[in-house]
Amino acid sequence: MSFEEEARAANAKFWQVSRQEEVEVEPEPEEVAAARRMSEGGEEDEPTTTDGGDHTAGDDTMTDGGDRTDDGSSNPTAKKKNKKERKDRKPTMLANTTDEITKVSESGLPLEPADVAAGYGMQLGCIVWESMSINMKHLRSEANKSLVENCLTKLHRWYTFPAQYKNMSKSNKVNRLAITKMSNALSSWRSRVKNKIKKGESWEKISRGEPMLDEAEFEIFKAEMASDEAKSWTEWGQQMRDLNIGKHRLGSGGYRGKLPIWEAEDAELARLGKPNPWLKIQDLQLRYFVRARYYLDKSTMEFITDDDYVRKFEEKLDEELAAARAEDSSSQGSTEPWNTTFNRATNAYKKRPKFMNALL
């Protein structure tokens, strides 16, 4: 007999004896029980009823066989525990250490070490929250030149970059991308607080989630959001949002988090001998943009999108790609760096309202 079987046999004997003892124990006579309760300082109980009638609080009457507490509830061990109050999220703070960046992308985005690069965007947001008011506008304007330089100084204090990027020049692509991300972080901060105001949240609740926000600055911001000018800008922003080409499926990790997943999907397609539709797009920016709006159906191993605009936009891209190949063969294509297939297609979609009618 194995060790597990011996243990189960011993447990079976134990429970058999326990059940026998429970059967053999005689119930305590009512007179004895009443006398015991009186001696303990309690009052004699009212007669037990099982007629299903109402019982007042403090009544020891029971009809379900369970013990009663002073408030008439069932056994405390069987009571449902109250849900714990959700704690406020710990605020994100600027790190007090200096991290070394060893590799930077062509656009100026840190790539390695991966664990340090993963928190780079959040640290830029922390610099914004600590360095400026929520009422700041037009961060990249000439009037805010000193503020931007101060933010870059903090950036280079918290990160060390490869030698060619250890300077404060605006032509430095690390600095240039950092300024863009800081501007986006400021915009996101304002939008986040504005949405909380629209929900009717109080200053006390908002301040717990936005510890860097000053109350006086918050009141100014709140009054500004109620102005006609702010409402007109909000309406304009909604119109611009309507011009977005579908909704991406990148998640919170963005392209960085999605690339390993796409690589695994590509490897699986190659293993199964299925064609990969993304290989026809050589421009990585263009390929990633379109692919981010598709998902892989694992049952058919085909890429699917639920958005008609995305499908029609991809058709437009195919036309632009064909035109670009024709221009390359004739050597008469544009040499301007911004005149790319991707930019031509997106600008046609966003800046020409009649193009939207063509998509339908």
Protein backbone atom coordinates (compact mmCIF):
# COMPACT_ATOMS: atom_id res chain seq x y z
CA MET A 1 0.00 0.00 0.00
CA SER A 2 1.37 3.39 -0.99
CA PHE A 3 1.83 6.31 1.38
CA GLU A 4 -1.18 8.15 -0.11
CA GLU A 5 -3.45 5.08 0.30
CA GLU A 6 -2.39 4.62 3.95
CA ALA A 7 -3.17 8.29 4.64
CA ARG A 8 -6.64 8.02 3.06
CA ALA A 9 -7.40 4.85 5.10
CA ALA A 10 -6.37 6.56 8.35
CA ASN A 11 -8.53 9.59 7.54
CA ALA A 12 -11.52 7.37 6.78
CA LYS A 13 -11.24 5.67 10.20
CA PHE A 14 -10.96 9.05 11.93
CA TRP A 15 -14.15 10.40 10.36
CA GLN A 16 -16.05 7.20 11.08
CA VAL A 17 -15.20 7.47 14.79
CA SER A 18 -16.09 11.17 14.81
CA ARG A 19 -19.54 10.49 13.34
CA GLN A 20 -20.16 7.73 15.88
CA GLU A 21 -19.26 10.09 18.74
CA GLU A 22 -21.63 12.70 17.39
CA VAL A 23 -24.48 10.16 17.33
CA GLU A 24 -23.75 8.88 20.86
CA VAL A 25 -23.72 12.36 22.48
CA GLU A 26 -27.07 13.01 24.10
CA PRO A 27 -28.60 16.48 23.82
CA GLU A 28 -28.50 18.65 26.94
CA PRO A 29 -31.87 18.75 28.78
CA GLU A 30 -33.72 22.05 28.37
CA GLU A 31 -33.93 22.65 32.14
CA VAL A 32 -30.17 22.18 32.53
CA ALA A 33 -29.43 24.43 29.57
CA ALA A 34 -31.71 27.17 30.95
CA ALA A 35 -30.07 26.98 34.36
CA ARG A 36 -26.61 27.18 32.77
CA ARG A 37 -27.54 30.28 30.77
CA MET A 38 -28.97 31.97 33.85
CA SER A 39 -25.82 31.22 35.82
CA GLU A 40 -23.75 32.78 33.07
CA GLY A 41 -25.67 36.02 33.41
CA GLY A 42 -27.94 35.60 30.41
CA GLU A 43 -31.71 35.66 30.26
CA GLU A 44 -33.80 32.60 29.63
CA ASP A 45 -34.57 32.18 25.96
CA GLU A 46 -37.99 32.48 24.49
CA PRO A 47 -39.51 29.22 23.23
CA THR A 48 -38.20 28.16 19.87
CA THR A 49 -40.54 28.56 16.93
CA THR A 50 -40.41 27.13 13.43
CA ASP A 51 -43.55 28.76 12.08
CA GLY A 52 -41.59 31.01 9.70
CA GLY A 53 -42.77 34.18 11.45
CA ASP A 54 -40.81 37.39 11.78
CA HIS A 55 -38.16 37.53 14.50
CA THR A 56 -36.80 40.64 16.12
CA ALA A 57 -33.11 41.47 16.37
CA GLY A 58 -31.44 39.79 19.30
CA ASP A 59 -33.79 36.78 19.16
CA ASP A 60 -31.94 33.47 19.51
CA THR A 61 -34.63 31.72 17.49
CA MET A 62 -33.33 29.65 14.62
CA THR A 63 -34.94 27.59 11.91
CA ASP A 64 -31.91 26.70 9.82
CA GLY A 65 -29.86 24.84 12.41
CA GLY A 66 -27.16 27.50 12.57
CA ASP A 67 -25.98 29.50 15.55
CA ARG A 68 -27.20 33.05 15.88
CA THR A 69 -25.24 36.12 16.83
CA ASP A 70 -26.61 38.96 18.89
CA ASP A 71 -28.00 40.70 15.81
CA GLY A 72 -29.91 37.65 14.61
CA SER A 73 -27.51 36.82 11.80
CA SER A 74 -26.22 33.34 11.06
CA ASN A 75 -22.93 31.81 12.11
CA PRO A 76 -20.15 34.43 11.78
CA THR A 77 -17.90 31.93 10.02
CA ALA A 78 -20.56 31.54 7.34
CA LYS A 79 -21.14 35.27 6.91
CA LYS A 80 -20.01 36.82 3.65
CA LYS A 81 -16.99 39.03 4.14
CA ASN A 82 -17.34 42.67 3.18
CA LYS A 83 -15.42 43.64 0.07
CA LYS A 84 -12.27 45.55 0.89
CA GLU A 85 -12.23 49.16 -0.13
CA ARG A 86 -10.10 49.66 -3.19
CA LYS A 87 -6.89 51.49 -2.43
CA ASP A 88 -5.74 54.41 -4.53
CA ARG A 89 -3.07 53.56 -7.04
CA LYS A 90 0.42 54.47 -5.95
CA PRO A 91 1.42 57.60 -7.87
CA THR A 92 4.13 57.29 -10.48
CA MET A 93 7.17 59.27 -9.42
CA LEU A 94 10.35 60.28 -11.21
CA ALA A 95 13.11 57.80 -10.41
CA ASN A 96 15.98 59.07 -8.29
CA THR A 97 18.61 56.98 -10.06
CA THR A 98 20.52 57.40 -13.32
CA ASP A 99 19.97 54.68 -15.91
CA GLU A 100 22.20 54.04 -18.90
CA ILE A 101 20.75 53.73 -22.39
CA THR A 102 23.02 51.70 -24.65
CA LYS A 103 21.04 51.57 -27.90
CA VAL A 104 18.75 54.09 -29.59
CA SER A 105 16.51 53.65 -32.64
CA GLU A 106 16.70 55.74 -35.81
CA SER A 107 13.88 57.93 -34.50
CA GLY A 108 15.60 58.56 -31.14
CA LEU A 109 13.70 56.03 -29.03
CA PRO A 110 15.75 54.07 -26.44
CA LEU A 111 15.82 50.33 -27.19
CA GLU A 112 18.32 48.76 -24.80
CA PRO A 113 18.47 47.73 -22.03
CA ALA A 114 14.87 46.58 -22.56
CA ASP A 115 13.83 46.96 -18.91
CA VAL A 116 15.08 50.55 -18.81
CA ALA A 117 13.60 51.41 -22.21
CA ALA A 118 10.20 50.05 -21.14
CA GLY A 119 9.78 52.82 -18.55
CA TYR A 120 11.21 55.65 -20.63
CA GLY A 121 7.86 57.09 -21.73
CA MET A 122 6.47 57.08 -18.20
CA GLN A 123 9.53 58.88 -16.88
CA LEU A 124 9.08 61.58 -19.52
CA GLY A 125 5.52 61.98 -18.24
CA CYS A 126 6.85 62.35 -14.69
CA ILE A 127 9.17 65.13 -15.86
CA VAL A 128 6.16 66.94 -17.31
CA TRP A 129 4.02 66.55 -14.16
CA GLU A 130 6.84 67.79 -11.92
CA SER A 131 8.04 70.65 -14.13
CA MET A 132 4.96 72.47 -15.37
CA SER A 133 1.39 73.45 -14.68
CA ILE A 134 -1.55 71.62 -16.19
CA ASN A 135 -2.53 74.98 -17.68
CA MET A 136 0.61 75.03 -19.85
CA LYS A 137 -0.04 75.30 -23.59
CA HIS A 138 2.12 75.12 -26.71
CA LEU A 139 5.10 73.52 -25.02
CA ARG A 140 7.26 73.74 -28.13
CA SER A 141 6.66 77.46 -28.68
CA GLU A 142 9.50 79.96 -28.44
CA ALA A 143 7.97 81.40 -25.26
CA ASN A 144 8.54 78.08 -23.48
CA LYS A 145 12.11 77.59 -24.70
CA SER A 146 13.62 77.82 -21.20
CA LEU A 147 11.09 75.36 -19.80
CA VAL A 148 11.89 72.82 -22.52
CA GLU A 149 15.61 73.20 -21.84
CA ASN A 150 14.96 72.57 -18.15
CA CYS A 151 13.04 69.41 -19.00
CA LEU A 152 15.85 68.17 -21.23
CA THR A 153 18.34 68.85 -18.45
CA LYS A 154 16.30 66.61 -16.16
CA LEU A 155 16.13 63.97 -18.88
CA HIS A 156 19.93 63.85 -19.24
CA ARG A 157 20.28 63.82 -15.47
CA TRP A 158 18.18 60.66 -15.17
CA TYR A 159 19.49 58.92 -18.29
CA THR A 160 22.90 58.63 -19.91
CA PHE A 161 22.84 58.11 -23.67
CA PRO A 162 25.46 57.03 -26.22
CA ALA A 163 28.15 59.66 -26.81
CA GLN A 164 26.60 61.23 -29.91
CA TYR A 165 23.40 62.01 -27.97
CA LYS A 166 25.00 63.53 -24.85
CA ASN A 167 24.13 67.13 -25.73
CA MET A 168 21.26 69.60 -25.43
CA SER A 169 20.93 70.35 -29.14
CA LYS A 170 17.45 70.40 -30.63
CA SER A 171 18.84 68.59 -33.66
CA ASN A 172 19.71 65.67 -31.39
CA LYS A 173 17.07 63.08 -32.36
CA VAL A 174 16.82 61.80 -28.77
CA ASN A 175 15.99 65.31 -27.58
CA ARG A 176 13.67 65.95 -30.50
CA LEU A 177 11.62 62.80 -29.82
CA ALA A 178 11.66 63.47 -26.08
CA ILE A 179 10.13 66.92 -26.61
CA THR A 180 7.41 65.37 -28.76
CA LYS A 181 6.65 62.76 -26.11
CA MET A 182 6.58 65.40 -23.38
CA SER A 183 4.11 67.45 -25.40
CA ASN A 184 1.95 64.35 -25.83
CA ALA A 185 2.20 63.61 -22.10
CA LEU A 186 1.00 67.13 -21.29
CA SER A 187 -1.92 66.72 -23.68
CA SER A 188 -2.83 63.35 -22.18
CA TRP A 189 -2.68 64.79 -18.67
CA ARG A 190 -5.05 67.60 -19.59
CA SER A 191 -7.43 65.20 -21.33
CA ARG A 192 -7.40 62.80 -18.40
CA VAL A 193 -8.29 65.48 -15.87
CA LYS A 194 -10.88 67.00 -18.22
CA ASN A 195 -12.65 63.63 -18.50
CA LYS A 196 -12.71 63.30 -14.73
CA ILE A 197 -14.29 66.74 -14.45
CA LYS A 198 -16.92 65.74 -17.03
CA LYS A 199 -17.75 62.70 -14.88
CA GLY A 200 -18.47 65.03 -11.95
CA GLU A 201 -15.60 63.82 -9.77
CA SER A 202 -14.69 66.02 -6.82
CA TRP A 203 -11.32 67.66 -6.26
CA GLU A 204 -10.66 65.27 -3.38
CA LYS A 205 -11.08 62.23 -5.61
CA ILE A 206 -9.17 63.71 -8.54
CA SER A 207 -6.26 64.79 -6.36
CA ARG A 208 -5.80 61.24 -5.07
CA GLY A 209 -5.23 60.03 -8.62
CA GLU A 210 -3.31 63.15 -9.70
CA PRO A 211 -0.97 63.93 -6.78
CA MET A 212 1.10 66.38 -8.85
CA LEU A 213 -1.94 68.57 -9.52
CA ASP A 214 -2.20 71.77 -7.47
CA GLU A 215 -5.70 72.74 -6.30
CA ALA A 216 -5.39 76.37 -7.37
CA GLU A 217 -4.21 75.32 -10.83
CA PHE A 218 -7.01 72.78 -10.97
CA GLU A 219 -9.64 75.45 -10.36
CA ILE A 220 -8.18 77.56 -13.17
CA PHE A 221 -8.17 74.55 -15.48
CA LYS A 222 -11.74 73.64 -14.54
CA ALA A 223 -12.97 77.15 -15.33
CA GLU A 224 -11.10 77.12 -18.64
CA MET A 225 -12.71 73.81 -19.67
CA ALA A 226 -16.13 75.40 -19.24
CA SER A 227 -15.32 78.28 -21.62
CA ASP A 228 -16.71 78.51 -25.16
CA GLU A 229 -13.21 78.44 -26.62
CA ALA A 230 -12.41 75.15 -24.90
CA LYS A 231 -15.68 73.64 -26.08
CA SER A 232 -14.94 74.64 -29.67
CA TRP A 233 -11.49 73.01 -29.45
CA THR A 234 -13.09 69.86 -28.04
CA GLU A 235 -15.48 69.74 -30.97
CA TRP A 236 -12.61 70.17 -33.41
CA GLY A 237 -10.71 67.36 -31.70
CA GLN A 238 -13.68 65.05 -32.05
CA GLN A 239 -13.87 65.82 -35.75
CA MET A 240 -10.18 64.98 -36.12
CA ARG A 241 -10.69 61.75 -34.21
CA ASP A 242 -13.45 60.76 -36.62
CA LEU A 243 -10.85 60.86 -39.40
CA ASN A 244 -8.79 58.12 -37.77
CA ILE A 245 -8.45 55.07 -39.97
CA GLY A 246 -10.04 52.40 -37.82
CA LYS A 247 -8.94 51.42 -34.31
CA HIS A 248 -5.62 49.76 -33.69
CA ARG A 249 -5.19 46.60 -31.63
CA LEU A 250 -1.77 47.35 -30.20
CA GLY A 251 -2.78 47.51 -26.56
CA SER A 252 -0.92 49.45 -23.88
CA GLY A 253 2.47 48.14 -25.02
CA GLY A 254 2.24 49.77 -28.44
CA TYR A 255 4.38 48.48 -31.29
CA ARG A 256 7.12 47.45 -28.87
CA GLY A 257 4.80 45.00 -27.13
CA LYS A 258 3.19 43.75 -30.34
CA LEU A 259 6.31 42.99 -32.38
CA PRO A 260 7.19 39.75 -30.52
CA ILE A 261 3.60 38.57 -31.03
CA TRP A 262 3.75 39.35 -34.75
CA GLU A 263 7.08 37.52 -35.05
CA ALA A 264 5.49 34.44 -33.47
CA GLU A 265 2.54 34.68 -35.88
CA ASP A 266 4.89 34.96 -38.85
CA ALA A 267 6.83 31.90 -37.68
CA GLU A 268 3.61 29.90 -37.35
CA LEU A 269 2.48 30.92 -40.84
CA ALA A 270 5.84 29.82 -42.24
CA ARG A 271 5.61 26.50 -40.40
CA LEU A 272 2.17 25.82 -41.85
CA GLY A 273 3.26 26.90 -45.32
CA LYS A 274 0.64 29.65 -45.50
CA PRO A 275 1.29 32.93 -47.35
CA ASN A 276 2.14 35.97 -45.25
CA PRO A 277 0.19 38.99 -46.62
CA TRP A 278 2.40 41.50 -44.81
CA LEU A 279 5.60 40.64 -46.64
CA LYS A 280 4.34 42.45 -49.74
CA ILE A 281 4.65 45.78 -47.85
CA GLN A 282 8.36 46.58 -47.65
CA ASP A 283 7.94 49.89 -45.82
CA LEU A 284 7.89 48.86 -42.13
CA GLN A 285 6.00 51.98 -41.01
CA LEU A 286 3.29 51.25 -43.55
CA ARG A 287 3.24 47.53 -42.74
CA TYR A 288 2.94 48.06 -38.99
CA PHE A 289 0.24 50.70 -39.37
CA VAL A 290 -2.03 48.43 -41.38
CA ARG A 291 -1.25 45.24 -39.49
CA ALA A 292 -2.07 46.91 -36.17
CA ARG A 293 -5.68 47.13 -37.36
CA TYR A 294 -5.97 43.42 -38.12
CA TYR A 295 -6.02 40.34 -35.91
CA LEU A 296 -5.14 36.72 -36.67
CA ASP A 297 -7.99 34.22 -36.59
CA LYS A 298 -6.28 31.14 -35.11
CA SER A 299 -8.90 28.76 -36.51
CA THR A 300 -8.29 29.77 -40.14
CA MET A 301 -4.86 31.43 -39.74
CA GLU A 302 -6.13 34.42 -41.72
CA PHE A 303 -5.85 38.10 -40.82
CA ILE A 304 -9.18 39.83 -40.26
CA THR A 305 -10.43 43.35 -39.67
CA ASP A 306 -13.95 44.36 -38.72
CA ASP A 307 -13.60 47.91 -40.05
CA ASP A 308 -14.67 48.73 -43.62
CA TYR A 309 -12.55 51.90 -43.61
CA VAL A 310 -9.43 49.84 -42.95
CA ARG A 311 -10.18 47.49 -45.83
CA LYS A 312 -10.87 50.37 -48.22
CA PHE A 313 -7.79 52.20 -47.01
CA GLU A 314 -5.67 49.13 -47.69
CA GLU A 315 -7.02 49.09 -51.26
CA LYS A 316 -5.92 52.71 -51.58
CA LEU A 317 -2.50 51.76 -50.29
CA ASP A 318 -2.22 48.99 -52.89
CA GLU A 319 -2.91 51.59 -55.58
CA GLU A 320 -0.27 53.91 -54.14
CA LEU A 321 2.25 51.06 -53.91
CA ALA A 322 1.65 50.18 -57.55
CA ALA A 323 2.06 53.83 -58.53
CA ALA A 324 5.26 54.07 -56.50
CA ARG A 325 6.74 51.02 -58.24
CA ALA A 326 5.88 52.56 -61.61
CA GLU A 327 7.58 55.82 -60.63
CA ASP A 328 10.68 53.95 -59.48
CA SER A 329 10.92 52.11 -62.80
CA SER A 330 10.69 55.39 -64.73
CA SER A 331 13.00 57.20 -62.26
CA GLN A 332 10.59 60.15 -62.19
CA GLY A 333 9.27 59.73 -58.66
CA SER A 334 9.45 62.43 -56.02
CA THR A 335 12.65 62.62 -53.96
CA GLU A 336 11.12 64.66 -51.13
CA PRO A 337 11.46 62.73 -47.83
CA TRP A 338 7.88 63.48 -46.77
CA ASN A 339 6.33 62.46 -50.10
CA THR A 340 6.04 58.77 -49.22
CA THR A 341 3.36 56.24 -50.09
CA PHE A 342 2.19 56.19 -46.50
CA ASN A 343 1.95 59.97 -46.18
CA ARG A 344 0.18 60.38 -49.52
CA ALA A 345 -2.45 57.83 -48.58
CA THR A 346 -3.07 59.14 -45.06
CA ASN A 347 -3.15 62.79 -46.17
CA ALA A 348 -5.64 61.94 -48.88
CA TYR A 349 -7.82 60.29 -46.29
CA LYS A 350 -7.62 63.01 -43.66
CA LYS A 351 -7.49 66.22 -45.68
CA ARG A 352 -9.92 65.55 -48.51
CA PRO A 353 -13.50 64.97 -47.34
CA LYS A 354 -14.54 63.71 -50.80
CA PHE A 355 -12.08 60.83 -50.36
CA MET A 356 -14.18 59.52 -47.46
CA ASN A 357 -17.18 59.30 -49.79
CA ALA A 358 -15.04 57.31 -52.21
CA LEU A 359 -14.23 54.83 -49.44
CA LEU A 360 -17.91 54.13 -48.99
